[in-house]
C-alpha atoms as a PDB file:
ATOM      1  CA  UNK A   1     189.835  68.803  96.339  1.00  0.00           C
ATOM      2  CA  UNK A   2     187.974  72.056  96.022  1.00  0.00           C
ATOM      3  CA  UNK A   3     186.828  73.494  92.760  1.00  0.00           C
ATOM      4  CA  UNK A   4     189.501  76.218  93.092  1.00  0.00           C
ATOM      5  CA  UNK A   5     192.238  73.603  93.359  1.00  0.00           C
ATOM      6  CA  UNK A   6     190.937  71.823  90.274  1.00  0.00           C
ATOM      7  CA  UNK A   7     190.804  75.125  88.358  1.00  0.00           C
ATOM      8  CA  UNK A   8     194.356  76.018  89.431  1.00  0.00           C
ATOM      9  CA  UNK A   9     195.553  72.556  88.426  1.00  0.00           C
ATOM     10  CA  UNK A  10     193.913  72.909  85.014  1.00  0.00           C
ATOM     11  CA  UNK A  11     195.513  76.303  84.539  1.00  0.00           C
ATOM     12  CA  UNK A  12     198.941  74.915  85.509  1.00  0.00           C
ATOM     13  CA  UNK A  13     198.593  72.042  83.025  1.00  0.00           C
ATOM     14  CA  UNK A  14     197.602  74.511  80.299  1.00  0.00           C
ATOM     15  CA  UNK A  15     200.627  76.691  81.017  1.00  0.00           C
ATOM     16  CA  UNK A  16     202.966  73.693  81.184  1.00  0.00           C
ATOM     17  CA  UNK A  17     201.823  72.553  77.750  1.00  0.00           C
ATOM     18  CA  UNK A  18     202.189  76.084  76.375  1.00  0.00           C
ATOM     19  CA  UNK A  19     205.331  75.274  74.375  1.00  0.00           C
ATOM     20  CA  UNK A  20     203.651  72.437  72.505  1.00  0.00           C
ATOM     21  CA  UNK A  21     200.252  74.002  72.035  1.00  0.00           C
ATOM     22  CA  UNK A  22     201.053  77.438  70.631  1.00  0.00           C
ATOM     23  CA  UNK A  23     199.459  77.637  67.243  1.00  0.00           C
ATOM     24  CA  UNK A  24     201.372  79.571  64.630  1.00  0.00           C
ATOM     25  CA  UNK A  25     199.329  81.489  62.092  1.00  0.00           C
ATOM     26  CA  UNK A  26     198.916  79.449  58.965  1.00  0.00           C
ATOM     27  CA  UNK A  27     200.088  81.262  55.888  1.00  0.00           C
ATOM     28  CA  UNK A  28     197.730  81.455  52.942  1.00  0.00           C
ATOM     29  CA  UNK A  29     198.075  78.668  50.396  1.00  0.00           C
ATOM     30  CA  UNK A  30     200.910  79.206  47.981  1.00  0.00           C
ATOM     31  CA  UNK A  31     199.820  81.126  44.957  1.00  0.00           C
ATOM     32  CA  UNK A  32     200.218  79.125  41.773  1.00  0.00           C
ATOM     33  CA  UNK A  33     203.177  80.978  40.356  1.00  0.00           C
ATOM     34  CA  UNK A  34     203.729  80.976  36.659  1.00  0.00           C
ATOM     35  CA  UNK A  35     207.122  82.532  35.998  1.00  0.00           C
ATOM     36  CA  UNK A  36     206.410  86.143  35.055  1.00  0.00           C
ATOM     37  CA  UNK A  37     206.984  86.985  31.430  1.00  0.00           C
ATOM     38  CA  UNK A  38     206.109  90.027  29.323  1.00  0.00           C
ATOM     39  CA  UNK A  39     203.014  90.085  27.165  1.00  0.00           C
ATOM     40  CA  UNK A  40     203.422  89.756  23.364  1.00  0.00           C
ATOM     41  CA  UNK A  41     202.508  93.460  23.046  1.00  0.00           C
ATOM     42  CA  UNK A  42     203.418  96.700  24.817  1.00  0.00           C
ATOM     43  CA  UNK A  43     201.173  99.228  26.477  1.00  0.00           C
ATOM     44  CA  UNK A  44     201.417 102.458  28.409  1.00  0.00           C
ATOM     45  CA  UNK A  45     200.027 102.991  31.859  1.00  0.00           C
ATOM     46  CA  UNK A  46     197.180 105.490  31.900  1.00  0.00           C
ATOM     47  CA  UNK A  47     195.862 104.831  35.396  1.00  0.00           C
ATOM     48  CA  UNK A  48     197.565 103.028  38.270  1.00  0.00           C
ATOM     49  CA  UNK A  49     200.835 102.934  40.157  1.00  0.00           C
ATOM     50  CA  UNK A  50     203.724 101.422  38.147  1.00  0.00           C
ATOM     51  CA  UNK A  51     205.100  99.889  41.375  1.00  0.00           C
ATOM     52  CA  UNK A  52     201.824  98.061  42.080  1.00  0.00           C
ATOM     53  CA  UNK A  53     201.046  96.272  38.836  1.00  0.00           C
ATOM     54  CA  UNK A  54     200.707  92.594  38.016  1.00  0.00           C
ATOM     55  CA  UNK A  55     204.139  91.391  36.808  1.00  0.00           C
ATOM     56  CA  UNK A  56     203.024  90.744  33.210  1.00  0.00           C
ATOM     57  CA  UNK A  57     201.742  94.307  32.869  1.00  0.00           C
ATOM     58  CA  UNK A  58     204.797  95.824  34.572  1.00  0.00           C
ATOM     59  CA  UNK A  59     207.107  93.947  32.181  1.00  0.00           C
ATOM     60  CA  UNK A  60     205.122  95.145  29.152  1.00  0.00           C
ATOM     61  CA  UNK A  61     205.155  98.912  29.689  1.00  0.00           C
ATOM     62  CA  UNK A  62     206.216 101.303  26.950  1.00  0.00           C
ATOM     63  CA  UNK A  63     205.709 105.074  26.837  1.00  0.00           C
ATOM     64  CA  UNK A  64     205.004 105.211  23.106  1.00  0.00           C
ATOM     65  CA  UNK A  65     202.442 102.436  22.683  1.00  0.00           C
ATOM     66  CA  UNK A  66     198.897 103.135  21.446  1.00  0.00           C
ATOM     67  CA  UNK A  67     197.637 100.399  23.814  1.00  0.00           C
ATOM     68  CA  UNK A  68     196.572 101.695  27.218  1.00  0.00           C
ATOM     69  CA  UNK A  69     196.541  99.860  30.571  1.00  0.00           C
ATOM     70  CA  UNK A  70     194.344 101.034  33.449  1.00  0.00           C
ATOM     71  CA  UNK A  71     194.817  99.152  36.712  1.00  0.00           C
ATOM     72  CA  UNK A  72     193.130  99.578  40.087  1.00  0.00           C
ATOM     73  CA  UNK A  73     193.243  97.692  43.387  1.00  0.00           C
ATOM     74  CA  UNK A  74     191.063  98.004  46.464  1.00  0.00           C
ATOM     75  CA  UNK A  75     191.569  96.349  49.844  1.00  0.00           C
ATOM     76  CA  UNK A  76     188.998  95.710  52.548  1.00  0.00           C
ATOM     77  CA  UNK A  77     189.827  94.427  56.012  1.00  0.00           C
ATOM     78  CA  UNK A  78     187.761  92.326  58.370  1.00  0.00           C
ATOM     79  CA  UNK A  79     188.171  90.589  61.693  1.00  0.00           C
ATOM     80  CA  UNK A  80     186.311  87.935  63.591  1.00  0.00           C
ATOM     81  CA  UNK A  81     187.040  86.974  67.161  1.00  0.00           C
ATOM     82  CA  UNK A  82     185.855  84.828  70.019  1.00  0.00           C
ATOM     83  CA  UNK A  83     183.948  86.946  72.546  1.00  0.00           C
ATOM     84  CA  UNK A  84     186.135  87.956  75.490  1.00  0.00           C
ATOM     85  CA  UNK A  85     183.809  86.378  78.044  1.00  0.00           C
ATOM     86  CA  UNK A  86     184.325  83.002  76.370  1.00  0.00           C
ATOM     87  CA  UNK A  87     188.046  83.210  75.627  1.00  0.00           C
ATOM     88  CA  UNK A  88     188.889  84.584  79.099  1.00  0.00           C
ATOM     89  CA  UNK A  89     187.547  81.445  80.764  1.00  0.00           C
ATOM     90  CA  UNK A  90     188.845  78.957  78.194  1.00  0.00           C
ATOM     91  CA  UNK A  91     192.201  77.455  79.277  1.00  0.00           C
ATOM     92  CA  UNK A  92     193.062  76.778  75.639  1.00  0.00           C
ATOM     93  CA  UNK A  93     193.268  80.548  75.120  1.00  0.00           C
ATOM     94  CA  UNK A  94     196.245  80.684  77.481  1.00  0.00           C
ATOM     95  CA  UNK A  95     197.856  77.797  75.634  1.00  0.00           C
ATOM     96  CA  UNK A  96     197.883  79.707  72.357  1.00  0.00           C
ATOM     97  CA  UNK A  97     194.694  78.569  70.647  1.00  0.00           C
ATOM     98  CA  UNK A  98     193.453  80.971  67.977  1.00  0.00           C
ATOM     99  CA  UNK A  99     191.060  83.562  69.360  1.00  0.00           C
ATOM    100  CA  UNK A 100     190.212  85.194  66.069  1.00  0.00           C
ATOM    101  CA  UNK A 101     191.066  85.794  62.455  1.00  0.00           C
ATOM    102  CA  UNK A 102     192.161  88.809  60.434  1.00  0.00           C
ATOM    103  CA  UNK A 103     191.169  88.912  56.788  1.00  0.00           C
ATOM    104  CA  UNK A 104     191.930  91.070  53.781  1.00  0.00           C
ATOM    105  CA  UNK A 105     190.017  90.993  50.520  1.00  0.00           C
ATOM    106  CA  UNK A 106     191.732  92.431  47.464  1.00  0.00           C
ATOM    107  CA  UNK A 107     189.776  93.422  44.377  1.00  0.00           C
ATOM    108  CA  UNK A 108     191.608  94.346  41.173  1.00  0.00           C
ATOM    109  CA  UNK A 109     190.529  95.463  37.736  1.00  0.00           C
ATOM    110  CA  UNK A 110     192.587  95.826  34.585  1.00  0.00           C
ATOM    111  CA  UNK A 111     191.324  97.428  31.414  1.00  0.00           C
ATOM    112  CA  UNK A 112     193.226  97.285  28.134  1.00  0.00           C
ATOM    113  CA  UNK A 113     192.192  99.654  25.378  1.00  0.00           C
ATOM    114  CA  UNK A 114     193.389 101.119  22.127  1.00  0.00           C
ATOM    115  CA  UNK A 115     191.925 104.476  21.213  1.00  0.00           C
ATOM    116  CA  UNK A 116     188.210 104.344  22.036  1.00  0.00           C
ATOM    117  CA  UNK A 117     188.072 100.556  21.785  1.00  0.00           C
ATOM    118  CA  UNK A 118     188.211  98.446  24.926  1.00  0.00           C
ATOM    119  CA  UNK A 119     190.148  95.317  24.057  1.00  0.00           C
ATOM    120  CA  UNK A 120     189.757  93.518  27.374  1.00  0.00           C
ATOM    121  CA  UNK A 121     188.560  93.947  30.948  1.00  0.00           C
ATOM    122  CA  UNK A 122     189.726  91.667  33.739  1.00  0.00           C
ATOM    123  CA  UNK A 123     188.676  91.548  37.359  1.00  0.00           C
ATOM    124  CA  UNK A 124     189.885  89.411  40.218  1.00  0.00           C
ATOM    125  CA  UNK A 125     188.975  89.081  43.862  1.00  0.00           C
ATOM    126  CA  UNK A 126     190.944  87.175  46.493  1.00  0.00           C
ATOM    127  CA  UNK A 127     190.566  86.881  50.263  1.00  0.00           C
ATOM    128  CA  UNK A 128     193.463  86.024  52.542  1.00  0.00           C
ATOM    129  CA  UNK A 129     192.870  85.218  56.204  1.00  0.00           C
ATOM    130  CA  UNK A 130     195.161  84.333  59.079  1.00  0.00           C
ATOM    131  CA  UNK A 131     194.260  83.345  62.633  1.00  0.00           C
ATOM    132  CA  UNK A 132     195.644  85.144  65.650  1.00  0.00           C
ATOM    133  CA  UNK A 133     196.083  84.160  69.269  1.00  0.00           C
ATOM    134  CA  UNK A 134     196.907  85.832  72.530  1.00  0.00           C
ATOM    135  CA  UNK A 135     200.611  85.332  71.788  1.00  0.00           C
ATOM    136  CA  UNK A 136     200.958  85.685  68.026  1.00  0.00           C
ATOM    137  CA  UNK A 137     199.219  87.657  65.329  1.00  0.00           C
ATOM    138  CA  UNK A 138     199.950  88.508  61.702  1.00  0.00           C
ATOM    139  CA  UNK A 139     200.648  92.092  60.726  1.00  0.00           C
ATOM    140  CA  UNK A 140     198.283  94.003  58.483  1.00  0.00           C
ATOM    141  CA  UNK A 141     201.181  94.647  56.120  1.00  0.00           C
ATOM    142  CA  UNK A 142     201.770  90.893  55.812  1.00  0.00           C
ATOM    143  CA  UNK A 143     198.083  90.256  55.045  1.00  0.00           C
ATOM    144  CA  UNK A 144     197.869  93.164  52.587  1.00  0.00           C
ATOM    145  CA  UNK A 145     200.920  91.901  50.690  1.00  0.00           C
ATOM    146  CA  UNK A 146     199.560  88.339  50.488  1.00  0.00           C
ATOM    147  CA  UNK A 147     196.168  89.574  49.213  1.00  0.00           C
ATOM    148  CA  UNK A 148     197.757  91.887  46.638  1.00  0.00           C
ATOM    149  CA  UNK A 149     200.084  89.126  45.417  1.00  0.00           C
ATOM    150  CA  UNK A 150     197.153  86.714  45.087  1.00  0.00           C
ATOM    151  CA  UNK A 151     194.976  89.106  43.097  1.00  0.00           C
ATOM    152  CA  UNK A 152     197.867  90.177  40.831  1.00  0.00           C
ATOM    153  CA  UNK A 153     198.680  86.541  40.145  1.00  0.00           C
ATOM    154  CA  UNK A 154     195.057  85.900  39.187  1.00  0.00           C
ATOM    155  CA  UNK A 155     195.049  88.871  36.779  1.00  0.00           C
ATOM    156  CA  UNK A 156     198.321  87.619  35.253  1.00  0.00           C
ATOM    157  CA  UNK A 157     196.870  84.139  34.746  1.00  0.00           C
ATOM    158  CA  UNK A 158     193.863  85.621  32.940  1.00  0.00           C
ATOM    159  CA  UNK A 159     196.136  87.795  30.804  1.00  0.00           C
ATOM    160  CA  UNK A 160     198.398  84.904  29.824  1.00  0.00           C
ATOM    161  CA  UNK A 161     195.335  82.895  28.803  1.00  0.00           C
ATOM    162  CA  UNK A 162     194.133  85.732  26.574  1.00  0.00           C
ATOM    163  CA  UNK A 163     197.486  87.107  25.364  1.00  0.00           C
ATOM    164  CA  UNK A 164     197.435  85.557  21.883  1.00  0.00           C
ATOM    165  CA  UNK A 165     193.940  86.899  21.114  1.00  0.00           C
ATOM    166  CA  UNK A 166     194.926  90.362  22.339  1.00  0.00           C
ATOM    167  CA  UNK A 167     198.157  90.337  20.308  1.00  0.00           C
ATOM    168  CA  UNK A 168     196.253  89.373  17.151  1.00  0.00           C
ATOM    169  CA  UNK A 169     193.630  92.063  17.751  1.00  0.00           C
ATOM    170  CA  UNK A 170     196.302  94.712  18.303  1.00  0.00           C
ATOM    171  CA  UNK A 171     198.314  93.581  15.259  1.00  0.00           C
ATOM    172  CA  UNK A 172     195.239  93.646  13.003  1.00  0.00           C
ATOM    173  CA  UNK A 173     194.296  97.167  14.096  1.00  0.00           C
ATOM    174  CA  UNK A 174     197.815  98.590  13.597  1.00  0.00           C
ATOM    175  CA  UNK A 175     198.035 100.911  10.613  1.00  0.00           C
ATOM    176  CA  UNK A 176     199.983  99.455   7.728  1.00  0.00           C
ATOM    177  CA  UNK A 177     202.644 101.609   6.141  1.00  0.00           C
ATOM    178  CA  UNK A 178     202.293 102.441   2.455  1.00  0.00           C
ATOM    179  CA  UNK A 179     205.357 101.566   0.390  1.00  0.00           C
END
Protein backbone atom coordinates (compact mmCIF):
# COMPACT_ATOMS: atom_id res chain seq x y z
CA UNK A 1 0.00 0.00 0.00
CA UNK A 2 1.25 3.44 -0.86
CA UNK A 3 1.01 6.39 1.44
CA UNK A 4 -1.67 7.88 -0.85
CA UNK A 5 -3.83 4.78 -0.48
CA UNK A 6 -3.49 4.91 3.30
CA UNK A 7 -4.41 8.61 3.31
CA UNK A 8 -7.45 7.98 1.08
CA UNK A 9 -8.51 5.10 3.31
CA UNK A 10 -8.22 7.30 6.40
CA UNK A 11 -10.26 10.01 4.72
CA UNK A 12 -12.95 7.48 3.73
CA UNK A 13 -13.17 6.15 7.30
CA UNK A 14 -13.48 9.71 8.61
CA UNK A 15 -16.29 10.48 6.18
CA UNK A 16 -18.07 7.20 6.92
CA UNK A 17 -18.07 7.99 10.63
CA UNK A 18 -19.30 11.52 9.95
CA UNK A 19 -22.82 10.84 11.23
CA UNK A 20 -21.59 9.64 14.60
CA UNK A 21 -18.77 12.10 15.08
CA UNK A 22 -20.40 15.45 14.36
CA UNK A 23 -20.12 17.50 17.49
CA UNK A 24 -23.04 19.78 18.24
CA UNK A 25 -22.24 23.07 19.93
CA UNK A 26 -22.72 22.75 23.64
CA UNK A 27 -25.09 25.32 25.02
CA UNK A 28 -23.95 27.38 27.98
CA UNK A 29 -24.84 25.97 31.38
CA UNK A 30 -28.38 26.71 32.42
CA UNK A 31 -28.64 29.95 34.27
CA UNK A 32 -29.89 29.48 37.81
CA UNK A 33 -33.35 30.89 37.33
CA UNK A 34 -35.16 32.32 40.28
CA UNK A 35 -38.72 33.04 39.21
CA UNK A 36 -38.80 36.76 38.40
CA UNK A 37 -40.70 38.88 40.86
CA UNK A 38 -40.97 42.64 41.35
CA UNK A 39 -38.85 44.44 43.90
CA UNK A 40 -40.52 45.67 47.13
CA UNK A 41 -40.21 49.25 45.80
CA UNK A 42 -40.81 51.05 42.51
CA UNK A 43 -38.43 53.12 40.45
CA UNK A 44 -38.35 55.02 37.19
CA UNK A 45 -35.92 54.38 34.40
CA UNK A 46 -33.54 57.28 33.86
CA UNK A 47 -31.02 55.57 31.60
CA UNK A 48 -31.40 52.32 29.66
CA UNK A 49 -33.77 50.56 27.31
CA UNK A 50 -36.98 49.34 29.00
CA UNK A 51 -36.96 46.27 26.71
CA UNK A 52 -33.46 45.27 27.85
CA UNK A 53 -33.66 45.32 31.63
CA UNK A 54 -33.21 42.58 34.20
CA UNK A 55 -36.68 41.14 34.93
CA UNK A 56 -36.83 42.42 38.53
CA UNK A 57 -36.16 45.99 37.39
CA UNK A 58 -38.58 45.75 34.46
CA UNK A 59 -41.35 44.54 36.79
CA UNK A 60 -40.70 47.40 39.23
CA UNK A 61 -40.98 50.41 36.92
CA UNK A 62 -43.19 53.36 37.76
CA UNK A 63 -43.20 56.81 36.13
CA UNK A 64 -43.86 58.71 39.35
CA UNK A 65 -41.30 57.18 41.72
CA UNK A 66 -38.52 59.26 43.30
CA UNK A 67 -36.21 56.22 42.98
CA UNK A 68 -34.18 56.17 39.78
CA UNK A 69 -32.77 53.16 37.89
CA UNK A 70 -29.85 53.53 35.47
CA UNK A 71 -28.94 50.38 33.55
CA UNK A 72 -26.24 49.75 30.96
CA UNK A 73 -24.98 46.68 29.10
CA UNK A 74 -21.91 46.22 26.93
CA UNK A 75 -21.01 43.21 24.80
CA UNK A 76 -17.60 42.19 23.51
CA UNK A 77 -17.02 39.38 21.04
CA UNK A 78 -14.03 37.11 20.63
CA UNK A 79 -13.05 34.08 18.61
CA UNK A 80 -10.35 31.47 18.80
CA UNK A 81 -9.67 28.92 16.11
CA UNK A 82 -7.33 26.16 15.08
CA UNK A 83 -4.92 27.42 12.41
CA UNK A 84 -6.04 26.44 8.91
CA UNK A 85 -2.80 24.61 8.14
CA UNK A 86 -3.48 22.27 11.07
CA UNK A 87 -7.22 21.78 10.65
CA UNK A 88 -6.95 21.25 6.86
CA UNK A 89 -4.76 18.19 7.36
CA UNK A 90 -6.58 16.79 10.39
CA UNK A 91 -9.15 14.14 9.38
CA UNK A 92 -11.14 14.88 12.53
CA UNK A 93 -11.95 18.30 11.06
CA UNK A 94 -13.91 16.61 8.27
CA UNK A 95 -15.72 14.48 10.82
CA UNK A 96 -17.11 17.52 12.61
CA UNK A 97 -14.61 18.12 15.40
CA UNK A 98 -14.66 21.67 16.76
CA UNK A 99 -12.25 23.96 14.94
CA UNK A 100 -12.80 27.00 17.09
CA UNK A 101 -14.93 28.84 19.60
CA UNK A 102 -17.00 32.01 19.53
CA UNK A 103 -17.36 33.92 22.77
CA UNK A 104 -19.37 36.87 24.02
CA UNK A 105 -18.72 38.71 27.26
CA UNK A 106 -21.54 40.80 28.67
CA UNK A 107 -20.92 43.50 31.25
CA UNK A 108 -23.84 45.18 33.01
CA UNK A 109 -24.17 47.90 35.59
CA UNK A 110 -27.22 49.01 37.52
CA UNK A 111 -27.34 52.09 39.70
CA UNK A 112 -30.24 52.86 42.02
CA UNK A 113 -30.51 56.36 43.42
CA UNK A 114 -32.93 58.70 45.11
CA UNK A 115 -32.27 62.38 44.59
CA UNK A 116 -28.51 62.90 44.91
CA UNK A 117 -28.04 59.78 47.01
CA UNK A 118 -26.83 56.58 45.40
CA UNK A 119 -28.57 53.73 47.17
CA UNK A 120 -26.84 50.86 45.38
CA UNK A 121 -24.53 50.02 42.50
CA UNK A 122 -24.38 46.55 40.99
CA UNK A 123 -22.13 45.18 38.30
CA UNK A 124 -22.01 41.79 36.66
CA UNK A 125 -19.85 40.19 34.01
CA UNK A 126 -20.54 36.89 32.26
CA UNK A 127 -18.84 35.12 29.36
CA UNK A 128 -20.64 32.63 27.14
CA UNK A 129 -18.72 30.53 24.64
CA UNK A 130 -19.75 27.92 22.10
CA UNK A 131 -17.55 25.79 19.85
CA UNK A 132 -17.99 25.68 16.10
CA UNK A 133 -17.03 23.17 13.45
CA UNK A 134 -16.85 23.00 9.70
CA UNK A 135 -20.49 21.89 9.63
CA UNK A 136 -22.17 23.72 12.51
CA UNK A 137 -21.72 27.04 14.23
CA UNK A 138 -23.76 29.13 16.65
CA UNK A 139 -25.17 32.45 15.53
CA UNK A 140 -23.97 35.69 17.06
CA UNK A 141 -27.56 36.49 17.98
CA UNK A 142 -27.79 33.22 19.93
CA UNK A 143 -24.55 33.98 21.81
CA UNK A 144 -25.55 37.60 22.49
CA UNK A 145 -28.90 36.51 23.92
CA UNK A 146 -27.30 33.88 26.18
CA UNK A 147 -24.73 36.40 27.49
CA UNK A 148 -27.37 39.07 28.10
CA UNK A 149 -29.65 36.59 29.89
CA UNK A 150 -26.76 35.43 32.09
CA UNK A 151 -25.70 38.93 33.12
CA UNK A 152 -29.31 40.05 33.76
CA UNK A 153 -29.88 36.99 35.91
CA UNK A 154 -26.77 37.81 37.94
CA UNK A 155 -27.95 41.41 38.49
CA UNK A 156 -31.38 40.11 39.55
CA UNK A 157 -29.81 37.71 42.05
CA UNK A 158 -27.81 40.56 43.58
CA UNK A 159 -30.92 42.75 43.73
CA UNK A 160 -33.04 40.06 45.39
CA UNK A 161 -30.31 39.59 48.00
CA UNK A 162 -30.30 43.31 48.77
CA UNK A 163 -34.00 44.12 48.26
CA UNK A 164 -34.99 44.28 51.93
CA UNK A 165 -32.16 46.70 52.80
CA UNK A 166 -33.05 48.91 49.83
CA UNK A 167 -36.76 48.89 50.72
CA UNK A 168 -35.98 49.92 54.30
CA UNK A 169 -33.64 52.68 53.14
CA UNK A 170 -36.24 54.02 50.71
CA UNK A 171 -39.04 53.81 53.29
CA UNK A 172 -36.97 55.65 55.92
CA UNK A 173 -36.12 58.48 53.52
CA UNK A 174 -39.73 58.98 52.35
CA UNK A 175 -41.24 62.20 53.64
CA UNK A 176 -43.90 61.66 56.27
CA UNK A 177 -47.17 63.48 55.86
CA UNK A 178 -48.23 65.87 58.62
CA UNK A 179 -51.70 65.18 59.99
